[in-house]
Amino acid sequence: MNALIRSFKYAFEGVLYCLKTQRNMRIHFIFASAVTAAGLYFSIEINEWLALFITFSLVITSEMFNTSIEKAVDLATMEYDETAKIAKDVAAGAVLLNAIIAVIVGISIFWGRIWGEVIKWMN
């Protein structure tokens, strides 16, 4: 197997590892799938798709970096260490901030459309 194909294989193994072992990664994928379905239902514009895919990728890749940092820290020390705690907390904080931004982007895209559907349903 040549080096390029091997590198893609390892990359996919990393994604699959996160999906298999990280609950939050599965949650992110479920939400991304639900939001994608909503985008299809509401026929959102191309710039809205781009905003969604950028935020999806930010959340998912930050979750993968978080997993990498957690595993590397665990490899370095299994004992409590304040610096190790900070490294893990900062990585988790990055995921949280990206997830908050993703929610804000989603609300800005879908709020009016969902509210319009609710109004139609109520009439």
N, C-alpha and C. Protein backbone atom coordinates (compact mmCIF):
# COMPACT_ATOMS: atom_id res chain seq x y z
N MET A 1 0.86 -1.17 0.00
CA MET A 1 0.00 0.00 0.00
C MET A 1 0.91 1.24 0.00
N ASN A 2 0.64 2.18 -0.90
CA ASN A 2 1.54 3.33 -0.94
C ASN A 2 1.25 4.29 0.22
N ALA A 3 2.18 5.20 0.43
CA ALA A 3 2.14 6.08 1.60
C ALA A 3 0.89 6.95 1.64
N LEU A 4 0.44 7.46 0.50
CA LEU A 4 -0.74 8.32 0.47
C LEU A 4 -1.99 7.56 0.90
N ILE A 5 -2.17 6.38 0.35
CA ILE A 5 -3.34 5.57 0.71
C ILE A 5 -3.28 5.20 2.18
N ARG A 6 -2.09 4.85 2.67
CA ARG A 6 -1.92 4.52 4.08
C ARG A 6 -2.29 5.70 4.97
N SER A 7 -1.89 6.91 4.57
CA SER A 7 -2.20 8.08 5.40
C SER A 7 -3.70 8.32 5.47
N PHE A 8 -4.43 8.10 4.36
CA PHE A 8 -5.89 8.22 4.39
C PHE A 8 -6.51 7.14 5.27
N LYS A 9 -5.96 5.93 5.19
CA LYS A 9 -6.45 4.83 6.02
C LYS A 9 -6.31 5.18 7.50
N TYR A 10 -5.15 5.70 7.90
CA TYR A 10 -4.94 6.07 9.29
C TYR A 10 -5.88 7.20 9.71
N ALA A 11 -6.09 8.15 8.82
CA ALA A 11 -6.99 9.26 9.13
C ALA A 11 -8.41 8.76 9.36
N PHE A 12 -8.90 7.87 8.50
CA PHE A 12 -10.23 7.31 8.68
C PHE A 12 -10.31 6.47 9.96
N GLU A 13 -9.23 5.78 10.29
CA GLU A 13 -9.20 5.03 11.55
C GLU A 13 -9.36 5.98 12.74
N GLY A 14 -8.75 7.16 12.65
CA GLY A 14 -8.89 8.15 13.71
C GLY A 14 -10.32 8.64 13.86
N VAL A 15 -10.96 8.92 12.74
CA VAL A 15 -12.37 9.35 12.78
C VAL A 15 -13.23 8.25 13.38
N LEU A 16 -13.04 7.02 12.90
CA LEU A 16 -13.84 5.89 13.41
C LEU A 16 -13.58 5.65 14.89
N TYR A 17 -12.32 5.79 15.33
CA TYR A 17 -12.01 5.63 16.75
C TYR A 17 -12.83 6.62 17.57
N CYS A 18 -12.84 7.88 17.14
CA CYS A 18 -13.59 8.89 17.88
C CYS A 18 -15.08 8.58 17.89
N LEU A 19 -15.61 8.15 16.75
CA LEU A 19 -17.04 7.81 16.71
C LEU A 19 -17.37 6.63 17.61
N LYS A 20 -16.48 5.65 17.66
CA LYS A 20 -16.73 4.45 18.46
C LYS A 20 -16.57 4.70 19.96
N THR A 21 -15.64 5.57 20.33
CA THR A 21 -15.27 5.68 21.75
C THR A 21 -15.71 6.97 22.42
N GLN A 22 -16.07 7.99 21.66
CA GLN A 22 -16.37 9.29 22.25
C GLN A 22 -17.86 9.61 22.12
N ARG A 23 -18.56 9.58 23.23
CA ARG A 23 -20.00 9.87 23.24
C ARG A 23 -20.30 11.22 22.61
N ASN A 24 -19.52 12.24 22.97
CA ASN A 24 -19.80 13.57 22.45
C ASN A 24 -19.60 13.65 20.94
N MET A 25 -18.68 12.88 20.40
CA MET A 25 -18.49 12.85 18.95
C MET A 25 -19.73 12.31 18.27
N ARG A 26 -20.30 11.27 18.84
CA ARG A 26 -21.55 10.72 18.27
C ARG A 26 -22.68 11.74 18.37
N ILE A 27 -22.74 12.46 19.48
CA ILE A 27 -23.76 13.51 19.64
C ILE A 27 -23.57 14.58 18.58
N HIS A 28 -22.33 15.01 18.35
CA HIS A 28 -22.07 16.03 17.32
C HIS A 28 -22.52 15.55 15.95
N PHE A 29 -22.24 14.29 15.63
CA PHE A 29 -22.65 13.75 14.33
C PHE A 29 -24.18 13.66 14.22
N ILE A 30 -24.85 13.31 15.31
CA ILE A 30 -26.32 13.25 15.29
C ILE A 30 -26.89 14.64 15.05
N PHE A 31 -26.38 15.65 15.76
CA PHE A 31 -26.87 17.01 15.56
C PHE A 31 -26.55 17.51 14.16
N ALA A 32 -25.36 17.22 13.67
CA ALA A 32 -25.01 17.65 12.30
C ALA A 32 -25.95 17.00 11.29
N SER A 33 -26.30 15.75 11.50
CA SER A 33 -27.23 15.06 10.60
C SER A 33 -28.62 15.67 10.67
N ALA A 34 -29.09 15.97 11.88
CA ALA A 34 -30.41 16.58 12.05
C ALA A 34 -30.46 17.97 11.41
N VAL A 35 -29.40 18.75 11.60
CA VAL A 35 -29.35 20.09 11.02
C VAL A 35 -29.27 19.99 9.50
N THR A 36 -28.54 19.02 8.98
CA THR A 36 -28.49 18.81 7.53
C THR A 36 -29.88 18.48 6.99
N ALA A 37 -30.60 17.62 7.69
CA ALA A 37 -31.98 17.30 7.28
C ALA A 37 -32.85 18.55 7.30
N ALA A 38 -32.71 19.37 8.32
CA ALA A 38 -33.48 20.63 8.38
C ALA A 38 -33.11 21.55 7.23
N GLY A 39 -31.83 21.61 6.90
CA GLY A 39 -31.39 22.43 5.77
C GLY A 39 -32.00 21.97 4.47
N LEU A 40 -32.09 20.66 4.28
CA LEU A 40 -32.73 20.12 3.08
C LEU A 40 -34.23 20.43 3.08
N TYR A 41 -34.86 20.27 4.23
CA TYR A 41 -36.30 20.53 4.34
C TYR A 41 -36.62 21.99 4.01
N PHE A 42 -35.82 22.91 4.55
CA PHE A 42 -36.08 24.33 4.35
C PHE A 42 -35.41 24.91 3.10
N SER A 43 -34.71 24.09 2.35
CA SER A 43 -34.01 24.54 1.13
C SER A 43 -33.18 25.80 1.38
N ILE A 44 -32.25 25.69 2.33
CA ILE A 44 -31.44 26.85 2.69
C ILE A 44 -30.50 27.23 1.54
N GLU A 45 -30.00 28.45 1.60
CA GLU A 45 -29.13 29.00 0.56
C GLU A 45 -27.70 28.45 0.69
N ILE A 46 -26.95 28.58 -0.38
CA ILE A 46 -25.58 28.05 -0.43
C ILE A 46 -24.69 28.65 0.66
N ASN A 47 -24.83 29.97 0.91
CA ASN A 47 -23.99 30.59 1.95
C ASN A 47 -24.37 30.06 3.34
N GLU A 48 -25.63 29.68 3.52
CA GLU A 48 -26.04 29.09 4.79
C GLU A 48 -25.47 27.68 4.93
N TRP A 49 -25.46 26.91 3.83
CA TRP A 49 -24.82 25.59 3.85
C TRP A 49 -23.35 25.72 4.22
N LEU A 50 -22.68 26.70 3.61
CA LEU A 50 -21.25 26.89 3.91
C LEU A 50 -21.04 27.20 5.39
N ALA A 51 -21.87 28.08 5.94
CA ALA A 51 -21.75 28.41 7.36
C ALA A 51 -21.96 27.17 8.23
N LEU A 52 -22.95 26.37 7.86
CA LEU A 52 -23.20 25.14 8.64
C LEU A 52 -22.04 24.17 8.54
N PHE A 53 -21.53 23.94 7.34
CA PHE A 53 -20.44 22.98 7.18
C PHE A 53 -19.16 23.45 7.86
N ILE A 54 -18.92 24.75 7.86
CA ILE A 54 -17.76 25.27 8.58
C ILE A 54 -17.93 25.04 10.08
N THR A 55 -19.12 25.32 10.60
CA THR A 55 -19.31 25.10 12.04
C THR A 55 -19.30 23.61 12.39
N PHE A 56 -19.87 22.76 11.52
CA PHE A 56 -19.78 21.31 11.77
C PHE A 56 -18.32 20.90 11.88
N SER A 57 -17.52 21.35 10.91
CA SER A 57 -16.12 20.92 10.90
C SER A 57 -15.36 21.47 12.10
N LEU A 58 -15.68 22.68 12.53
CA LEU A 58 -15.01 23.23 13.72
C LEU A 58 -15.33 22.40 14.96
N VAL A 59 -16.58 22.06 15.14
CA VAL A 59 -16.98 21.28 16.32
C VAL A 59 -16.37 19.89 16.28
N ILE A 60 -16.48 19.23 15.15
CA ILE A 60 -16.01 17.84 15.05
C ILE A 60 -14.49 17.76 15.14
N THR A 61 -13.78 18.66 14.46
CA THR A 61 -12.32 18.61 14.56
C THR A 61 -11.83 19.02 15.95
N SER A 62 -12.51 19.97 16.58
CA SER A 62 -12.08 20.33 17.94
C SER A 62 -12.33 19.16 18.90
N GLU A 63 -13.39 18.40 18.68
CA GLU A 63 -13.62 17.20 19.49
C GLU A 63 -12.51 16.17 19.26
N MET A 64 -12.06 16.05 18.02
CA MET A 64 -10.97 15.12 17.73
C MET A 64 -9.66 15.58 18.37
N PHE A 65 -9.37 16.89 18.31
CA PHE A 65 -8.18 17.40 18.99
C PHE A 65 -8.29 17.19 20.50
N ASN A 66 -9.48 17.39 21.04
CA ASN A 66 -9.70 17.17 22.46
C ASN A 66 -9.39 15.73 22.84
N THR A 67 -9.87 14.79 22.04
CA THR A 67 -9.60 13.38 22.29
C THR A 67 -8.10 13.10 22.22
N SER A 68 -7.43 13.68 21.22
CA SER A 68 -5.98 13.49 21.09
C SER A 68 -5.24 14.01 22.31
N ILE A 69 -5.62 15.19 22.77
CA ILE A 69 -4.95 15.78 23.93
C ILE A 69 -5.21 14.93 25.17
N GLU A 70 -6.46 14.50 25.36
CA GLU A 70 -6.77 13.65 26.51
C GLU A 70 -5.94 12.37 26.51
N LYS A 71 -5.83 11.72 25.36
CA LYS A 71 -5.08 10.47 25.27
C LYS A 71 -3.58 10.71 25.50
N ALA A 72 -3.05 11.79 24.94
CA ALA A 72 -1.63 12.10 25.13
C ALA A 72 -1.32 12.41 26.59
N VAL A 73 -2.22 13.16 27.23
CA VAL A 73 -2.02 13.48 28.65
C VAL A 73 -2.11 12.21 29.49
N ASP A 74 -3.08 11.35 29.19
CA ASP A 74 -3.19 10.08 29.93
C ASP A 74 -1.95 9.21 29.74
N LEU A 75 -1.37 9.26 28.55
CA LEU A 75 -0.15 8.50 28.30
C LEU A 75 1.01 9.04 29.14
N ALA A 76 1.04 10.37 29.30
CA ALA A 76 2.13 11.01 30.04
C ALA A 76 2.01 10.76 31.54
N THR A 77 0.78 10.80 32.06
CA THR A 77 0.60 10.58 33.49
C THR A 77 -0.82 10.14 33.78
N MET A 78 -0.94 9.13 34.60
CA MET A 78 -2.26 8.69 35.06
C MET A 78 -2.55 9.24 36.45
N GLU A 79 -1.55 9.87 37.05
CA GLU A 79 -1.74 10.49 38.36
C GLU A 79 -2.31 11.89 38.16
N TYR A 80 -2.99 12.40 39.21
CA TYR A 80 -3.52 13.75 39.12
C TYR A 80 -2.36 14.73 39.00
N ASP A 81 -2.48 15.62 38.03
CA ASP A 81 -1.49 16.66 37.83
C ASP A 81 -2.23 17.92 37.37
N GLU A 82 -1.99 19.02 38.02
CA GLU A 82 -2.71 20.27 37.72
C GLU A 82 -2.49 20.70 36.27
N THR A 83 -1.28 20.56 35.77
CA THR A 83 -1.00 20.94 34.38
C THR A 83 -1.76 20.03 33.41
N ALA A 84 -1.82 18.75 33.71
CA ALA A 84 -2.59 17.82 32.88
C ALA A 84 -4.06 18.19 32.89
N LYS A 85 -4.57 18.56 34.06
CA LYS A 85 -5.97 18.98 34.17
C LYS A 85 -6.23 20.21 33.32
N ILE A 86 -5.33 21.17 33.37
CA ILE A 86 -5.48 22.40 32.57
C ILE A 86 -5.50 22.06 31.08
N ALA A 87 -4.59 21.20 30.65
CA ALA A 87 -4.54 20.82 29.23
C ALA A 87 -5.87 20.21 28.79
N LYS A 88 -6.40 19.30 29.60
CA LYS A 88 -7.67 18.66 29.26
C LYS A 88 -8.83 19.66 29.30
N ASP A 89 -8.84 20.51 30.32
CA ASP A 89 -9.93 21.49 30.45
C ASP A 89 -9.93 22.50 29.32
N VAL A 90 -8.75 22.95 28.93
CA VAL A 90 -8.66 23.92 27.83
C VAL A 90 -9.14 23.29 26.53
N ALA A 91 -8.75 22.05 26.27
CA ALA A 91 -9.19 21.36 25.06
C ALA A 91 -10.71 21.18 25.06
N ALA A 92 -11.26 20.80 26.20
CA ALA A 92 -12.72 20.65 26.31
C ALA A 92 -13.41 22.00 26.15
N GLY A 93 -12.80 23.05 26.68
CA GLY A 93 -13.35 24.40 26.53
C GLY A 93 -13.41 24.84 25.08
N ALA A 94 -12.42 24.45 24.29
CA ALA A 94 -12.43 24.79 22.86
C ALA A 94 -13.62 24.13 22.16
N VAL A 95 -13.89 22.88 22.52
CA VAL A 95 -15.05 22.19 21.95
C VAL A 95 -16.33 22.92 22.34
N LEU A 96 -16.44 23.27 23.61
CA LEU A 96 -17.63 23.97 24.10
C LEU A 96 -17.86 25.28 23.36
N LEU A 97 -16.81 26.08 23.20
CA LEU A 97 -16.96 27.36 22.49
C LEU A 97 -17.38 27.15 21.04
N ASN A 98 -16.79 26.18 20.37
CA ASN A 98 -17.19 25.89 18.99
C ASN A 98 -18.63 25.40 18.92
N ALA A 99 -19.05 24.60 19.88
CA ALA A 99 -20.44 24.11 19.90
C ALA A 99 -21.42 25.26 20.13
N ILE A 100 -21.06 26.19 21.01
CA ILE A 100 -21.92 27.37 21.25
C ILE A 100 -22.06 28.19 19.98
N ILE A 101 -20.95 28.42 19.29
CA ILE A 101 -21.00 29.16 18.02
C ILE A 101 -21.85 28.42 17.00
N ALA A 102 -21.74 27.09 16.96
CA ALA A 102 -22.55 26.30 16.02
C ALA A 102 -24.04 26.47 16.32
N VAL A 103 -24.40 26.49 17.60
CA VAL A 103 -25.80 26.69 17.97
C VAL A 103 -26.27 28.08 17.54
N ILE A 104 -25.44 29.09 17.74
CA ILE A 104 -25.79 30.45 17.34
C ILE A 104 -25.99 30.52 15.83
N VAL A 105 -25.08 29.91 15.07
CA VAL A 105 -25.21 29.89 13.61
C VAL A 105 -26.50 29.17 13.21
N GLY A 106 -26.77 28.03 13.83
CA GLY A 106 -27.99 27.28 13.52
C GLY A 106 -29.24 28.08 13.82
N ILE A 107 -29.27 28.75 14.96
CA ILE A 107 -30.43 29.58 15.31
C ILE A 107 -30.60 30.70 14.30
N SER A 108 -29.50 31.34 13.92
CA SER A 108 -29.61 32.46 12.97
C SER A 108 -30.13 32.01 11.61
N ILE A 109 -29.84 30.78 11.24
CA ILE A 109 -30.30 30.26 9.95
C ILE A 109 -31.74 29.76 10.03
N PHE A 110 -32.09 29.07 11.10
CA PHE A 110 -33.37 28.36 11.14
C PHE A 110 -34.48 29.02 11.94
N TRP A 111 -34.17 29.95 12.81
CA TRP A 111 -35.19 30.51 13.70
C TRP A 111 -36.41 31.03 12.94
N GLY A 112 -36.20 31.89 11.96
CA GLY A 112 -37.31 32.46 11.20
C GLY A 112 -38.09 31.40 10.45
N ARG A 113 -37.40 30.46 9.89
CA ARG A 113 -38.06 29.38 9.13
C ARG A 113 -38.90 28.49 10.05
N ILE A 114 -38.34 28.12 11.18
CA ILE A 114 -39.08 27.28 12.12
C ILE A 114 -40.28 28.04 12.68
N TRP A 115 -40.07 29.29 13.05
CA TRP A 115 -41.15 30.11 13.57
C TRP A 115 -42.26 30.26 12.52
N GLY A 116 -41.89 30.42 11.26
CA GLY A 116 -42.87 30.50 10.18
C GLY A 116 -43.69 29.23 10.07
N GLU A 117 -43.04 28.08 10.24
CA GLU A 117 -43.76 26.80 10.21
C GLU A 117 -44.71 26.68 11.40
N VAL A 118 -44.28 27.14 12.56
CA VAL A 118 -45.14 27.10 13.75
C VAL A 118 -46.38 27.97 13.53
N ILE A 119 -46.18 29.17 12.98
CA ILE A 119 -47.31 30.08 12.72
C ILE A 119 -48.28 29.44 11.72
N LYS A 120 -47.74 28.84 10.65
CA LYS A 120 -48.61 28.17 9.67
C LYS A 120 -49.40 27.04 10.32
N TRP A 121 -48.74 26.28 11.18
CA TRP A 121 -49.37 25.16 11.84
C TRP A 121 -50.48 25.62 12.78
N MET A 122 -50.27 26.77 13.43
CA MET A 122 -51.25 27.28 14.39
C MET A 122 -52.48 27.87 13.69
N ASN A 123 -52.35 28.28 12.45
CA ASN A 123 -53.49 28.88 11.74
C ASN A 123 -54.35 27.88 11.09
